[in-house]
C-alpha cells in the first residue's frame, strides 16, 4: 500500500479548490449575461433601490 498520502491529498485539495473557483466564475459570467439580456428588469431594479 501507499505509505505517503501527502501528494494525493494535495492533488485533491487543488482539484476541489479549482472546481469551486471555476463554478463561481461560471455563475458570475452567467449572471452578467442575464443582466445584459434584459435591460428592462435592470432599470426597474435601479428605480426600486
Protein backbone atom coordinates (compact mmCIF):
# COMPACT_ATOMS: atom_id res chain seq x y z
CA UNK A 1 0.00 0.00 0.00
CA UNK A 2 0.95 3.64 -0.24
CA UNK A 3 2.78 4.94 2.81
CA UNK A 4 2.71 8.64 1.97
CA UNK A 5 -0.69 10.18 1.16
CA UNK A 6 0.58 13.79 1.04
CA UNK A 7 0.73 14.21 -2.75
CA UNK A 8 -2.71 12.64 -3.18
CA UNK A 9 -4.27 14.88 -0.55
CA UNK A 10 -2.60 17.95 -2.07
CA UNK A 11 -3.88 16.99 -5.52
CA UNK A 12 -7.42 16.59 -4.20
CA UNK A 13 -7.28 19.99 -2.48
CA UNK A 14 -6.08 21.66 -5.68
CA UNK A 15 -8.80 19.97 -7.74
CA UNK A 16 -11.58 20.86 -5.30
CA UNK A 17 -10.42 24.47 -4.92
CA UNK A 18 -10.07 24.82 -8.69
CA UNK A 19 -13.53 23.37 -9.17
CA UNK A 20 -15.03 25.86 -6.72
CA UNK A 21 -13.30 28.77 -8.46
CA UNK A 22 -14.45 27.53 -11.87
CA UNK A 23 -18.03 27.17 -10.65
CA UNK A 24 -18.02 30.67 -9.12
CA UNK A 25 -16.61 32.19 -12.32
CA UNK A 26 -19.24 30.34 -14.40
CA UNK A 27 -22.10 31.58 -12.21
CA UNK A 28 -20.90 35.21 -12.26
CA UNK A 29 -20.49 35.08 -16.05
CA UNK A 30 -23.99 33.67 -16.45
CA UNK A 31 -25.42 36.33 -14.13
CA UNK A 32 -23.73 39.08 -16.14
CA UNK A 33 -25.20 37.68 -19.36
CA UNK A 34 -28.70 37.61 -17.87
CA UNK A 35 -28.42 41.23 -16.71
CA UNK A 36 -27.33 42.40 -20.19
CA UNK A 37 -30.03 40.36 -21.91
CA UNK A 38 -32.96 42.02 -20.12
CA UNK A 39 -32.33 45.74 -19.53
CA UNK A 40 -35.97 46.40 -18.54
CA UNK A 41 -35.61 44.39 -15.34
CA UNK A 42 -32.30 46.08 -14.64
CA UNK A 43 -33.90 49.54 -14.91
CA UNK A 44 -36.79 48.51 -12.63
CA UNK A 45 -34.36 47.27 -10.00
CA UNK A 46 -32.47 50.57 -10.08
CA UNK A 47 -35.71 52.54 -9.60
CA UNK A 48 -36.74 50.40 -6.61
CA UNK A 49 -33.41 50.95 -4.84
